[in-house]
Amino acid sequence: MENYELLLEKAFGGLKPVVFSKGCDRFEIPKADSRVIGNKTVLNNFMHICSCFRRAPEHLCKFLSKELAAFSRIEGERIVFNRKISQSLINEKIALYTERYVFCKECRKPDTELIKQDGLFFIHCLACGAKHSLGKA
């Protein structure tokens, strides 16, 4: 019979390593840095938000466009919406995105990845190993 340490090493060897930024395991939802310029709204820290969530920019862009009922396009590190949108409304929608697509439904940790399998999107938790379906793309 194998000893406990060897079994633990074998179990943890199959898991992906989870890296926390700044050596801290507390996750804070990034706040939007947006400006209204004429009839357009520019979210300057869009790529930073995507990297914090470990999500594709196109996925977050599509979500924000639908939720804010505004056409949007990615321009470098930022996203431009075709109408005036308050910063508080953008922050609300980013918080809604984290609830739906970032936090694990079981352990509530943000250490997840979005995977597509057989035409369905799944949230796979890197912390507890849970997998939840999000439905069709």
C-alpha atoms as a PDB file:
ATOM      1  CA  MET A   1       0.000   0.000   0.000  1.00  0.00           C
ATOM      2  CA  GLU A   2       1.281   3.454  -0.956  1.00  0.00           C
ATOM      3  CA  ASN A   3       1.867   6.026   1.742  1.00  0.00           C
ATOM      4  CA  TYR A   4      -0.214   9.159   2.152  1.00  0.00           C
ATOM      5  CA  GLU A   5       2.376  11.656   0.845  1.00  0.00           C
ATOM      6  CA  LEU A   6       2.872   9.670  -2.358  1.00  0.00           C
ATOM      7  CA  LEU A   7      -0.886   9.524  -2.938  1.00  0.00           C
ATOM      8  CA  LEU A   8      -1.197  13.301  -2.360  1.00  0.00           C
ATOM      9  CA  GLU A   9       1.659  13.976  -4.755  1.00  0.00           C
ATOM     10  CA  LYS A  10      -0.008  11.800  -7.392  1.00  0.00           C
ATOM     11  CA  ALA A  11      -3.374  13.557  -6.916  1.00  0.00           C
ATOM     12  CA  PHE A  12      -1.941  17.084  -7.092  1.00  0.00           C
ATOM     13  CA  GLY A  13       0.202  16.140 -10.089  1.00  0.00           C
ATOM     14  CA  GLY A  14      -2.948  15.827 -12.232  1.00  0.00           C
ATOM     15  CA  LEU A  15      -4.213  19.330 -11.384  1.00  0.00           C
ATOM     16  CA  LYS A  16      -3.279  22.497 -13.223  1.00  0.00           C
ATOM     17  CA  PRO A  17      -1.325  24.978 -11.122  1.00  0.00           C
ATOM     18  CA  VAL A  18      -3.326  28.022 -10.047  1.00  0.00           C
ATOM     19  CA  VAL A  19      -1.378  31.270 -10.090  1.00  0.00           C
ATOM     20  CA  PHE A  20      -2.533  34.217  -8.002  1.00  0.00           C
ATOM     21  CA  SER A  21      -1.483  37.708  -8.947  1.00  0.00           C
ATOM     22  CA  LYS A  22       0.678  39.617  -6.456  1.00  0.00           C
ATOM     23  CA  GLY A  23       0.975  36.528  -4.239  1.00  0.00           C
ATOM     24  CA  CYS A  24      -2.520  37.028  -2.885  1.00  0.00           C
ATOM     25  CA  ASP A  25      -5.548  34.761  -3.052  1.00  0.00           C
ATOM     26  CA  ARG A  26      -8.112  37.543  -2.639  1.00  0.00           C
ATOM     27  CA  PHE A  27      -9.835  38.379  -5.907  1.00  0.00           C
ATOM     28  CA  GLU A  28     -11.178  41.850  -6.570  1.00  0.00           C
ATOM     29  CA  ILE A  29     -13.352  42.638  -9.559  1.00  0.00           C
ATOM     30  CA  PRO A  30     -11.532  45.323 -11.557  1.00  0.00           C
ATOM     31  CA  LYS A  31     -13.336  48.646 -11.812  1.00  0.00           C
ATOM     32  CA  ALA A  32     -14.031  50.156 -15.208  1.00  0.00           C
ATOM     33  CA  ASP A  33     -11.917  53.093 -16.347  1.00  0.00           C
ATOM     34  CA  SER A  34     -14.315  54.604 -18.860  1.00  0.00           C
ATOM     35  CA  ARG A  35     -14.726  57.990 -20.505  1.00  0.00           C
ATOM     36  CA  VAL A  36     -17.594  59.439 -22.516  1.00  0.00           C
ATOM     37  CA  ILE A  37     -16.303  61.145 -25.651  1.00  0.00           C
ATOM     38  CA  GLY A  38     -19.091  62.765 -27.652  1.00  0.00           C
ATOM     39  CA  ASN A  39     -21.690  60.050 -28.271  1.00  0.00           C
ATOM     40  CA  LYS A  40     -19.235  57.220 -27.621  1.00  0.00           C
ATOM     41  CA  THR A  41     -17.971  55.536 -24.464  1.00  0.00           C
ATOM     42  CA  VAL A  42     -14.421  54.216 -24.221  1.00  0.00           C
ATOM     43  CA  LEU A  43     -13.462  51.528 -21.684  1.00  0.00           C
ATOM     44  CA  ASN A  44      -9.699  52.046 -21.388  1.00  0.00           C
ATOM     45  CA  ASN A  45      -8.768  49.074 -19.187  1.00  0.00           C
ATOM     46  CA  PHE A  46     -10.682  46.444 -21.157  1.00  0.00           C
ATOM     47  CA  MET A  47      -7.708  44.136 -21.821  1.00  0.00           C
ATOM     48  CA  HIS A  48      -6.655  44.356 -18.172  1.00  0.00           C
ATOM     49  CA  ILE A  49     -10.150  43.206 -17.129  1.00  0.00           C
ATOM     50  CA  CYS A  50     -10.004  40.299 -19.618  1.00  0.00           C
ATOM     51  CA  SER A  51      -6.606  39.207 -18.300  1.00  0.00           C
ATOM     52  CA  CYS A  52      -7.845  39.343 -14.678  1.00  0.00           C
ATOM     53  CA  PHE A  53     -10.754  37.051 -15.612  1.00  0.00           C
ATOM     54  CA  ARG A  54      -8.616  34.873 -17.930  1.00  0.00           C
ATOM     55  CA  ARG A  55     -11.241  35.201 -20.642  1.00  0.00           C
ATOM     56  CA  ALA A  56     -11.064  35.927 -24.367  1.00  0.00           C
ATOM     57  CA  PRO A  57     -11.676  39.620 -25.145  1.00  0.00           C
ATOM     58  CA  GLU A  58     -14.262  38.663 -27.776  1.00  0.00           C
ATOM     59  CA  HIS A  59     -16.368  36.826 -25.177  1.00  0.00           C
ATOM     60  CA  LEU A  60     -16.488  39.757 -22.747  1.00  0.00           C
ATOM     61  CA  CYS A  61     -17.027  42.206 -25.641  1.00  0.00           C
ATOM     62  CA  LYS A  62     -20.034  40.226 -26.901  1.00  0.00           C
ATOM     63  CA  PHE A  63     -21.491  39.987 -23.376  1.00  0.00           C
ATOM     64  CA  LEU A  64     -21.136  43.732 -22.719  1.00  0.00           C
ATOM     65  CA  SER A  65     -22.594  44.600 -26.136  1.00  0.00           C
ATOM     66  CA  LYS A  66     -25.706  42.528 -25.473  1.00  0.00           C
ATOM     67  CA  GLU A  67     -26.165  43.650 -21.871  1.00  0.00           C
ATOM     68  CA  LEU A  68     -25.598  47.339 -22.624  1.00  0.00           C
ATOM     69  CA  ALA A  69     -27.566  47.245 -25.906  1.00  0.00           C
ATOM     70  CA  ALA A  70     -24.722  48.996 -27.690  1.00  0.00           C
ATOM     71  CA  PHE A  71     -22.534  48.139 -30.658  1.00  0.00           C
ATOM     72  CA  SER A  72     -18.912  47.783 -29.596  1.00  0.00           C
ATOM     73  CA  ARG A  73     -15.514  47.210 -31.149  1.00  0.00           C
ATOM     74  CA  ILE A  74     -12.124  46.394 -29.692  1.00  0.00           C
ATOM     75  CA  GLU A  75      -9.405  48.944 -30.473  1.00  0.00           C
ATOM     76  CA  GLY A  76      -6.065  47.819 -29.101  1.00  0.00           C
ATOM     77  CA  GLU A  77      -6.231  47.741 -25.297  1.00  0.00           C
ATOM     78  CA  ARG A  78      -9.675  49.327 -25.084  1.00  0.00           C
ATOM     79  CA  ILE A  79     -13.261  48.847 -26.234  1.00  0.00           C
ATOM     80  CA  VAL A  80     -15.444  51.552 -27.791  1.00  0.00           C
ATOM     81  CA  PHE A  81     -19.248  51.600 -27.424  1.00  0.00           C
ATOM     82  CA  ASN A  82     -21.410  53.589 -29.843  1.00  0.00           C
ATOM     83  CA  ARG A  83     -23.449  55.370 -27.152  1.00  0.00           C
ATOM     84  CA  LYS A  84     -23.081  57.126 -23.801  1.00  0.00           C
ATOM     85  CA  ILE A  85     -22.893  54.645 -20.904  1.00  0.00           C
ATOM     86  CA  SER A  86     -22.261  55.509 -17.274  1.00  0.00           C
ATOM     87  CA  GLN A  87     -19.272  54.015 -15.509  1.00  0.00           C
ATOM     88  CA  SER A  88     -21.514  52.608 -12.756  1.00  0.00           C
ATOM     89  CA  LEU A  89     -23.613  50.711 -15.328  1.00  0.00           C
ATOM     90  CA  ILE A  90     -20.463  49.228 -16.893  1.00  0.00           C
ATOM     91  CA  ASN A  91     -19.292  48.148 -13.422  1.00  0.00           C
ATOM     92  CA  GLU A  92     -22.674  46.481 -12.772  1.00  0.00           C
ATOM     93  CA  LYS A  93     -22.442  44.513 -16.018  1.00  0.00           C
ATOM     94  CA  ILE A  94     -18.843  43.463 -15.287  1.00  0.00           C
ATOM     95  CA  ALA A  95     -19.981  42.213 -11.864  1.00  0.00           C
ATOM     96  CA  LEU A  96     -22.812  40.290 -13.568  1.00  0.00           C
ATOM     97  CA  TYR A  97     -20.262  38.759 -15.983  1.00  0.00           C
ATOM     98  CA  THR A  98     -18.141  37.528 -13.076  1.00  0.00           C
ATOM     99  CA  GLU A  99     -21.154  35.904 -11.436  1.00  0.00           C
ATOM    100  CA  ARG A 100     -22.180  34.098 -14.623  1.00  0.00           C
ATOM    101  CA  TYR A 101     -18.856  33.297 -16.282  1.00  0.00           C
ATOM    102  CA  VAL A 102     -15.962  33.604 -13.803  1.00  0.00           C
ATOM    103  CA  PHE A 103     -16.857  32.378 -10.305  1.00  0.00           C
ATOM    104  CA  CYS A 104     -17.222  28.628  -9.704  1.00  0.00           C
ATOM    105  CA  LYS A 105     -20.766  27.643  -8.735  1.00  0.00           C
ATOM    106  CA  GLU A 106     -19.470  25.143  -6.137  1.00  0.00           C
ATOM    107  CA  CYS A 107     -16.548  26.753  -4.301  1.00  0.00           C
ATOM    108  CA  ARG A 108     -17.115  30.419  -5.403  1.00  0.00           C
ATOM    109  CA  LYS A 109     -13.444  30.846  -6.408  1.00  0.00           C
ATOM    110  CA  PRO A 110     -12.462  32.809  -9.533  1.00  0.00           C
ATOM    111  CA  ASP A 111      -9.891  30.214 -10.641  1.00  0.00           C
ATOM    112  CA  THR A 112     -11.867  28.965 -13.625  1.00  0.00           C
ATOM    113  CA  GLU A 113     -11.457  28.498 -17.336  1.00  0.00           C
ATOM    114  CA  LEU A 114     -14.069  28.685 -20.063  1.00  0.00           C
ATOM    115  CA  ILE A 115     -13.983  25.670 -22.371  1.00  0.00           C
ATOM    116  CA  LYS A 116     -16.069  24.766 -25.418  1.00  0.00           C
ATOM    117  CA  GLN A 117     -16.977  21.120 -25.869  1.00  0.00           C
ATOM    118  CA  ASP A 118     -19.466  19.663 -28.377  1.00  0.00           C
ATOM    119  CA  GLY A 119     -20.981  23.099 -29.083  1.00  0.00           C
ATOM    120  CA  LEU A 120     -21.527  23.856 -25.375  1.00  0.00           C
ATOM    121  CA  PHE A 121     -19.599  26.177 -23.097  1.00  0.00           C
ATOM    122  CA  PHE A 122     -18.461  24.909 -19.704  1.00  0.00           C
ATOM    123  CA  ILE A 123     -16.873  26.578 -16.713  1.00  0.00           C
ATOM    124  CA  HIS A 124     -14.133  24.320 -15.375  1.00  0.00           C
ATOM    125  CA  CYS A 125     -12.863  25.186 -11.886  1.00  0.00           C
ATOM    126  CA  LEU A 126      -9.115  24.811 -11.437  1.00  0.00           C
ATOM    127  CA  ALA A 127      -9.469  24.939  -7.639  1.00  0.00           C
ATOM    128  CA  CYS A 128     -12.075  22.232  -6.946  1.00  0.00           C
ATOM    129  CA  GLY A 129     -12.373  20.509 -10.337  1.00  0.00           C
ATOM    130  CA  ALA A 130     -16.103  21.165 -10.787  1.00  0.00           C
ATOM    131  CA  LYS A 131     -17.503  21.583 -14.299  1.00  0.00           C
ATOM    132  CA  HIS A 132     -20.724  23.476 -15.074  1.00  0.00           C
ATOM    133  CA  SER A 133     -22.559  23.866 -18.363  1.00  0.00           C
ATOM    134  CA  LEU A 134     -23.437  27.320 -19.648  1.00  0.00           C
ATOM    135  CA  GLY A 135     -25.532  26.104 -22.563  1.00  0.00           C
ATOM    136  CA  LYS A 136     -25.081  26.718 -26.274  1.00  0.00           C
ATOM    137  CA  ALA A 137     -22.774  29.376 -27.611  1.00  0.00           C
END
